[in-house]
C-alpha atoms as a PDB file:
ATOM      1  CA  MET A   1     -37.734  45.566  27.027  1.00  0.00           C
ATOM      2  CA  ASN A   2     -33.925  45.578  27.232  1.00  0.00           C
ATOM      3  CA  LYS A   3     -33.950  42.041  28.630  1.00  0.00           C
ATOM      4  CA  LYS A   4     -35.918  40.771  25.606  1.00  0.00           C
ATOM      5  CA  ILE A   5     -33.515  42.453  23.183  1.00  0.00           C
ATOM      6  CA  LEU A   6     -30.562  40.983  25.050  1.00  0.00           C
ATOM      7  CA  ILE A   7     -32.096  37.471  24.871  1.00  0.00           C
ATOM      8  CA  VAL A   8     -32.724  37.848  21.118  1.00  0.00           C
ATOM      9  CA  LEU A   9     -29.154  39.058  20.566  1.00  0.00           C
ATOM     10  CA  VAL A  10     -27.710  36.165  22.596  1.00  0.00           C
ATOM     11  CA  MET A  11     -29.847  33.652  20.674  1.00  0.00           C
ATOM     12  CA  GLY A  12     -28.754  35.197  17.361  1.00  0.00           C
ATOM     13  CA  LEU A  13     -25.136  35.028  18.463  1.00  0.00           C
ATOM     14  CA  LEU A  14     -25.559  31.353  19.429  1.00  0.00           C
ATOM     15  CA  ILE A  15     -27.030  30.575  16.012  1.00  0.00           C
ATOM     16  CA  VAL A  16     -24.151  32.330  14.249  1.00  0.00           C
ATOM     17  CA  LEU A  17     -21.553  30.600  16.440  1.00  0.00           C
ATOM     18  CA  SER A  18     -23.113  27.163  15.938  1.00  0.00           C
ATOM     19  CA  GLY A  19     -23.097  27.755  12.169  1.00  0.00           C
ATOM     20  CA  MET A  20     -19.437  28.731  12.308  1.00  0.00           C
ATOM     21  CA  LEU A  21     -18.622  25.678  14.438  1.00  0.00           C
ATOM     22  CA  TRP A  22     -20.442  23.401  11.997  1.00  0.00           C
ATOM     23  CA  ASN A  23     -18.513  24.945   9.112  1.00  0.00           C
ATOM     24  CA  ILE A  24     -15.207  24.385  10.913  1.00  0.00           C
ATOM     25  CA  THR A  25     -15.916  20.783  11.921  1.00  0.00           C
ATOM     26  CA  ARG A  26     -17.683  19.490   8.798  1.00  0.00           C
ATOM     27  CA  ASP A  27     -15.893  17.077   6.498  1.00  0.00           C
ATOM     28  CA  HIS A  28     -13.493  19.169   4.460  1.00  0.00           C
ATOM     29  CA  SER A  29     -12.345  16.140   2.489  1.00  0.00           C
ATOM     30  CA  ILE A  30     -15.063  16.837  -0.060  1.00  0.00           C
ATOM     31  CA  ARG A  31     -13.973  20.344  -0.891  1.00  0.00           C
ATOM     32  CA  LYS A  32     -13.541  21.041  -4.578  1.00  0.00           C
ATOM     33  CA  VAL A  33      -9.984  21.402  -5.778  1.00  0.00           C
ATOM     34  CA  GLU A  34      -9.231  24.913  -7.010  1.00  0.00           C
ATOM     35  CA  MET A  35      -7.287  24.235 -10.186  1.00  0.00           C
ATOM     36  CA  GLU A  36      -7.887  25.091 -13.820  1.00  0.00           C
ATOM     37  CA  TYR A  37      -8.487  22.125 -16.119  1.00  0.00           C
ATOM     38  CA  GLU A  38      -5.516  22.923 -18.371  1.00  0.00           C
ATOM     39  CA  GLU A  39      -3.161  22.939 -15.367  1.00  0.00           C
ATOM     40  CA  PHE A  40      -4.585  19.606 -14.183  1.00  0.00           C
ATOM     41  CA  LYS A  41      -4.263  18.126 -17.677  1.00  0.00           C
ATOM     42  CA  VAL A  42      -0.586  19.109 -17.858  1.00  0.00           C
ATOM     43  CA  LEU A  43       0.088  17.546 -14.432  1.00  0.00           C
ATOM     44  CA  ALA A  44      -1.783  14.359 -15.329  1.00  0.00           C
ATOM     45  CA  GLU A  45       0.112  14.008 -18.605  1.00  0.00           C
ATOM     46  CA  GLN A  46       3.407  14.496 -16.751  1.00  0.00           C
ATOM     47  CA  HIS A  47       2.631  11.946 -14.052  1.00  0.00           C
ATOM     48  CA  PHE A  48       0.675   9.167 -15.776  1.00  0.00           C
ATOM     49  CA  ASP A  49       1.917   6.950 -18.596  1.00  0.00           C
ATOM     50  CA  THR A  50       0.212   7.492 -21.948  1.00  0.00           C
ATOM     51  CA  ILE A  51      -0.050   3.792 -22.854  1.00  0.00           C
ATOM     52  CA  TYR A  52      -3.007   2.072 -21.210  1.00  0.00           C
ATOM     53  CA  SER A  53      -1.439  -1.343 -20.789  1.00  0.00           C
ATOM     54  CA  ASP A  54       1.570   0.268 -19.117  1.00  0.00           C
ATOM     55  CA  ILE A  55      -0.030   2.036 -16.188  1.00  0.00           C
ATOM     56  CA  TRP A  56       3.027   3.140 -14.294  1.00  0.00           C
ATOM     57  CA  PHE A  57       3.456   5.336 -11.260  1.00  0.00           C
ATOM     58  CA  SER A  58       7.007   6.494 -10.712  1.00  0.00           C
ATOM     59  CA  PRO A  59       7.842   8.094  -7.342  1.00  0.00           C
ATOM     60  CA  PRO A  60       6.912  11.659  -8.399  1.00  0.00           C
ATOM     61  CA  SER A  61       3.636  10.563  -9.943  1.00  0.00           C
ATOM     62  CA  THR A  62       2.811   8.487  -6.909  1.00  0.00           C
ATOM     63  CA  ASP A  63       2.679  11.683  -4.852  1.00  0.00           C
ATOM     64  CA  PHE A  64       0.284  13.305  -7.328  1.00  0.00           C
ATOM     65  CA  PHE A  65      -1.803  10.130  -7.563  1.00  0.00           C
ATOM     66  CA  GLN A  66      -2.021   9.842  -3.775  1.00  0.00           C
ATOM     67  CA  GLU A  67      -2.924  13.530  -3.502  1.00  0.00           C
ATOM     68  CA  ILE A  68      -5.939  12.869  -5.737  1.00  0.00           C
ATOM     69  CA  ARG A  69      -6.812   9.755  -3.694  1.00  0.00           C
ATOM     70  CA  GLN A  70      -6.923  11.786  -0.465  1.00  0.00           C
ATOM     71  CA  ASN A  71      -9.796  13.909  -1.812  1.00  0.00           C
ATOM     72  CA  PRO A  72     -11.345  12.048  -4.765  1.00  0.00           C
ATOM     73  CA  SER A  73     -14.652  13.907  -4.481  1.00  0.00           C
ATOM     74  CA  GLY A  74     -12.851  17.222  -4.838  1.00  0.00           C
ATOM     75  CA  TRP A  75     -10.846  16.067  -7.871  1.00  0.00           C
ATOM     76  CA  SER A  76     -13.738  14.227  -9.540  1.00  0.00           C
ATOM     77  CA  PHE A  77     -14.823  17.184 -11.671  1.00  0.00           C
ATOM     78  CA  LEU A  78     -11.331  17.581 -13.143  1.00  0.00           C
ATOM     79  CA  VAL A  79     -10.900  13.833 -13.668  1.00  0.00           C
ATOM     80  CA  ARG A  80     -14.218  13.686 -15.540  1.00  0.00           C
ATOM     81  CA  GLN A  81     -13.092  16.511 -17.820  1.00  0.00           C
ATOM     82  CA  LEU A  82      -9.817  14.696 -18.433  1.00  0.00           C
ATOM     83  CA  VAL A  83     -11.493  11.384 -19.267  1.00  0.00           C
ATOM     84  CA  ALA A  84     -13.921  13.102 -21.655  1.00  0.00           C
ATOM     85  CA  ASP A  85     -11.126  15.010 -23.431  1.00  0.00           C
ATOM     86  CA  PRO A  86     -10.397  13.244 -26.757  1.00  0.00           C
ATOM     87  CA  SER A  87      -6.887  14.740 -26.894  1.00  0.00           C
ATOM     88  CA  VAL A  88      -5.772  12.885 -23.723  1.00  0.00           C
ATOM     89  CA  ALA A  89      -4.099   9.459 -24.044  1.00  0.00           C
ATOM     90  CA  LEU A  90      -5.963   6.426 -22.709  1.00  0.00           C
ATOM     91  CA  GLY A  91      -3.243   5.601 -20.167  1.00  0.00           C
ATOM     92  CA  VAL A  92      -3.463   9.080 -18.629  1.00  0.00           C
ATOM     93  CA  LYS A  93      -7.248   8.703 -18.380  1.00  0.00           C
ATOM     94  CA  ALA A  94      -6.831   5.290 -16.738  1.00  0.00           C
ATOM     95  CA  GLY A  95      -4.283   6.579 -14.217  1.00  0.00           C
ATOM     96  CA  ALA A  96      -6.522   9.460 -13.167  1.00  0.00           C
ATOM     97  CA  SER A  97      -9.569   7.166 -13.052  1.00  0.00           C
ATOM     98  CA  ALA A  98      -7.726   4.766 -10.739  1.00  0.00           C
ATOM     99  CA  ALA A  99      -7.460   7.583  -8.194  1.00  0.00           C
ATOM    100  CA  MET A 100     -11.272   7.689  -8.088  1.00  0.00           C
ATOM    101  CA  LEU A 101     -11.452   4.203  -6.536  1.00  0.00           C
ATOM    102  CA  ASP A 102     -11.572   5.821  -3.087  1.00  0.00           C
ATOM    103  CA  LEU A 103     -14.865   7.593  -3.803  1.00  0.00           C
ATOM    104  CA  PRO A 104     -17.743   6.571  -1.528  1.00  0.00           C
ATOM    105  CA  PRO A 105     -19.706   3.690  -3.160  1.00  0.00           C
ATOM    106  CA  ASP A 106     -22.581   5.782  -4.537  1.00  0.00           C
ATOM    107  CA  GLN A 107     -20.184   8.384  -5.964  1.00  0.00           C
ATOM    108  CA  LEU A 108     -18.034   5.622  -7.446  1.00  0.00           C
ATOM    109  CA  ALA A 109     -21.194   4.238  -9.064  1.00  0.00           C
ATOM    110  CA  GLU A 110     -21.855   7.698 -10.546  1.00  0.00           C
ATOM    111  CA  PHE A 111     -18.296   7.838 -11.873  1.00  0.00           C
ATOM    112  CA  LEU A 112     -18.669   4.369 -13.387  1.00  0.00           C
ATOM    113  CA  GLU A 113     -21.979   5.481 -14.930  1.00  0.00           C
ATOM    114  CA  PHE A 114     -20.112   8.431 -16.465  1.00  0.00           C
ATOM    115  CA  LEU A 115     -17.494   6.079 -17.942  1.00  0.00           C
ATOM    116  CA  LEU A 116     -20.182   3.793 -19.365  1.00  0.00           C
ATOM    117  CA  THR A 117     -21.861   6.748 -21.054  1.00  0.00           C
ATOM    118  CA  LEU A 118     -18.551   7.744 -22.668  1.00  0.00           C
ATOM    119  CA  ALA A 119     -18.000   4.131 -23.775  1.00  0.00           C
ATOM    120  CA  TYR A 120     -20.890   4.439 -26.250  1.00  0.00           C
ATOM    121  CA  SER A 121     -18.802   6.856 -28.314  1.00  0.00           C
ATOM    122  CA  ASP A 122     -15.331   5.469 -27.455  1.00  0.00           C
ATOM    123  CA  GLN A 123     -15.241   1.746 -26.744  1.00  0.00           C
ATOM    124  CA  ASN A 124     -11.731   2.044 -25.280  1.00  0.00           C
ATOM    125  CA  ILE A 125     -13.290   3.748 -22.252  1.00  0.00           C
ATOM    126  CA  MET A 126     -14.930   0.389 -21.452  1.00  0.00           C
ATOM    127  CA  ARG A 127     -11.445  -0.917 -20.650  1.00  0.00           C
ATOM    128  CA  ILE A 128     -11.101   1.802 -18.013  1.00  0.00           C
ATOM    129  CA  ALA A 129     -14.648   1.198 -16.740  1.00  0.00           C
ATOM    130  CA  SER A 130     -13.911  -2.525 -16.345  1.00  0.00           C
ATOM    131  CA  SER A 131     -10.660  -1.786 -14.532  1.00  0.00           C
ATOM    132  CA  VAL A 132     -12.451   0.620 -12.192  1.00  0.00           C
ATOM    133  CA  ALA A 133     -15.301  -1.822 -11.519  1.00  0.00           C
ATOM    134  CA  PHE A 134     -13.055  -4.811 -10.867  1.00  0.00           C
ATOM    135  CA  ASN A 135     -10.264  -2.688  -9.305  1.00  0.00           C
ATOM    136  CA  SER A 136      -7.878  -4.608 -11.536  1.00  0.00           C
ATOM    137  CA  LEU A 137      -5.540  -1.611 -11.544  1.00  0.00           C
ATOM    138  CA  ARG A 138      -4.041  -3.022  -8.319  1.00  0.00           C
ATOM    139  CA  GLY A 139      -1.901  -5.291 -10.483  1.00  0.00           C
ATOM    140  CA  ALA A 140      -0.401  -2.437 -12.513  1.00  0.00           C
ATOM    141  CA  GLN A 141       3.334  -1.880 -12.542  1.00  0.00           C
ATOM    142  CA  GLY A 142       4.573   0.191  -9.657  1.00  0.00           C
ATOM    143  CA  ILE A 143       1.398  -0.250  -7.572  1.00  0.00           C
ATOM    144  CA  LEU A 144       2.407  -1.260  -4.070  1.00  0.00           C
ATOM    145  CA  PRO A 145       0.088  -2.529  -1.303  1.00  0.00           C
ATOM    146  CA  GLY A 146      -1.968   0.328   0.095  1.00  0.00           C
ATOM    147  CA  MET A 147      -1.657   2.497  -3.009  1.00  0.00           C
ATOM    148  CA  LEU A 148      -5.182   1.461  -4.067  1.00  0.00           C
ATOM    149  CA  PRO A 149      -8.107   0.192  -1.990  1.00  0.00           C
ATOM    150  CA  ASP A 150      -8.228  -3.564  -1.470  1.00  0.00           C
ATOM    151  CA  GLY A 151     -11.901  -3.952  -2.339  1.00  0.00           C
ATOM    152  CA  SER A 152     -13.996  -3.097  -5.358  1.00  0.00           C
ATOM    153  CA  ILE A 153     -17.427  -1.688  -6.069  1.00  0.00           C
ATOM    154  CA  PHE A 154     -18.771  -5.258  -5.986  1.00  0.00           C
ATOM    155  CA  ASP A 155     -18.412  -5.128  -2.205  1.00  0.00           C
ATOM    156  CA  HIS A 156     -21.374  -2.708  -2.321  1.00  0.00           C
ATOM    157  CA  SER A 157     -23.529  -4.473  -4.928  1.00  0.00           C
ATOM    158  CA  HIS A 158     -26.399  -4.593  -2.422  1.00  0.00           C
ATOM    159  CA  ARG A 159     -26.803  -0.808  -2.811  1.00  0.00           C
ATOM    160  CA  PRO A 160     -29.443   0.030  -5.459  1.00  0.00           C
ATOM    161  CA  ALA A 161     -27.323   2.696  -7.211  1.00  0.00           C
ATOM    162  CA  VAL A 162     -24.314   0.376  -7.389  1.00  0.00           C
ATOM    163  CA  ARG A 163     -26.323  -2.613  -8.579  1.00  0.00           C
ATOM    164  CA  ARG A 164     -28.013  -0.477 -11.245  1.00  0.00           C
ATOM    165  CA  VAL A 165     -24.713   0.700 -12.715  1.00  0.00           C
ATOM    166  CA  LEU A 166     -23.219  -2.799 -12.600  1.00  0.00           C
ATOM    167  CA  GLN A 167     -26.231  -4.123 -14.503  1.00  0.00           C
ATOM    168  CA  ARG A 168     -25.825  -1.321 -17.045  1.00  0.00           C
ATOM    169  CA  MET A 169     -22.207  -2.376 -17.471  1.00  0.00           C
ATOM    170  CA  TRP A 170     -23.230  -6.019 -17.918  1.00  0.00           C
ATOM    171  CA  GLU A 171     -25.720  -5.028 -20.646  1.00  0.00           C
ATOM    172  CA  HIS A 172     -23.469  -2.436 -22.342  1.00  0.00           C
ATOM    173  CA  PRO A 173     -22.700  -3.265 -25.999  1.00  0.00           C
ATOM    174  CA  ALA A 174     -19.000  -2.421 -25.495  1.00  0.00           C
ATOM    175  CA  PHE A 175     -18.623  -4.845 -22.566  1.00  0.00           C
ATOM    176  CA  PRO A 176     -16.314  -7.663 -23.758  1.00  0.00           C
ATOM    177  CA  GLN A 177     -18.070 -10.957 -24.403  1.00  0.00           C
ATOM    178  CA  THR A 178     -15.074 -12.862 -23.002  1.00  0.00           C
ATOM    179  CA  ILE A 179     -15.527 -11.209 -19.608  1.00  0.00           C
ATOM    180  CA  ARG A 180     -19.295 -11.735 -19.762  1.00  0.00           C
ATOM    181  CA  GLU A 181     -18.745 -15.466 -20.285  1.00  0.00           C
ATOM    182  CA  GLY A 182     -15.942 -15.811 -17.715  1.00  0.00           C
ATOM    183  CA  ASP A 183     -16.062 -16.351 -13.991  1.00  0.00           C
ATOM    184  CA  ASN A 184     -16.008 -13.005 -12.215  1.00  0.00           C
ATOM    185  CA  ASP A 185     -18.072 -10.900  -9.838  1.00  0.00           C
ATOM    186  CA  LEU A 186     -20.185  -9.413 -12.629  1.00  0.00           C
ATOM    187  CA  THR A 187     -21.198 -12.746 -14.147  1.00  0.00           C
ATOM    188  CA  ASP A 188     -21.952 -14.034 -10.647  1.00  0.00           C
ATOM    189  CA  LEU A 189     -24.444 -11.180 -10.238  1.00  0.00           C
ATOM    190  CA  PHE A 190     -26.148 -11.243 -13.629  1.00  0.00           C
ATOM    191  CA  ARG A 191     -25.618 -14.583 -15.389  1.00  0.00           C
ATOM    192  CA  GLY A 192     -28.922 -16.245 -16.143  1.00  0.00           C
ATOM    193  CA  ARG A 193     -30.917 -13.015 -16.267  1.00  0.00           C
END
């Protein structure tokens, strides 16, 4: 009887230890950032330029921007709140959204979907959505090589979730006609449909 109890206890201990080991070794890069929205908003407004066409990252803001890039999944909830906040300047929203470019493709598609939904009520958000989709923020002032990923979501257009959101962007009423008629990755995918 004692041998059976000992075996059950050892097995229980092994289960507990394996759970603890899994918890220690799992990917902690997706942990949610513990910060109140108001604190995040203040930091974002300090570090990102308020004018959209002048996306600028000075040395102090580069550190904050890169901190968000290191764990975009964890910061995503705060960035979404910031982008949806009507009191935040468009440039601040664009700067924070640029940090989301390192999300895994399906999560980036979800973020782009979120931006497209907001663009129905604020067409200026389409400018940010286009910049995120095309990763055109790489050309912003103060962006050095390696500060943003080299590719764009179009590199993953074979994924159903990504293709779906790109098609939604193509069909969105706020999507600029000039881009729709130009030569770019989006028109290559959907022209003639």
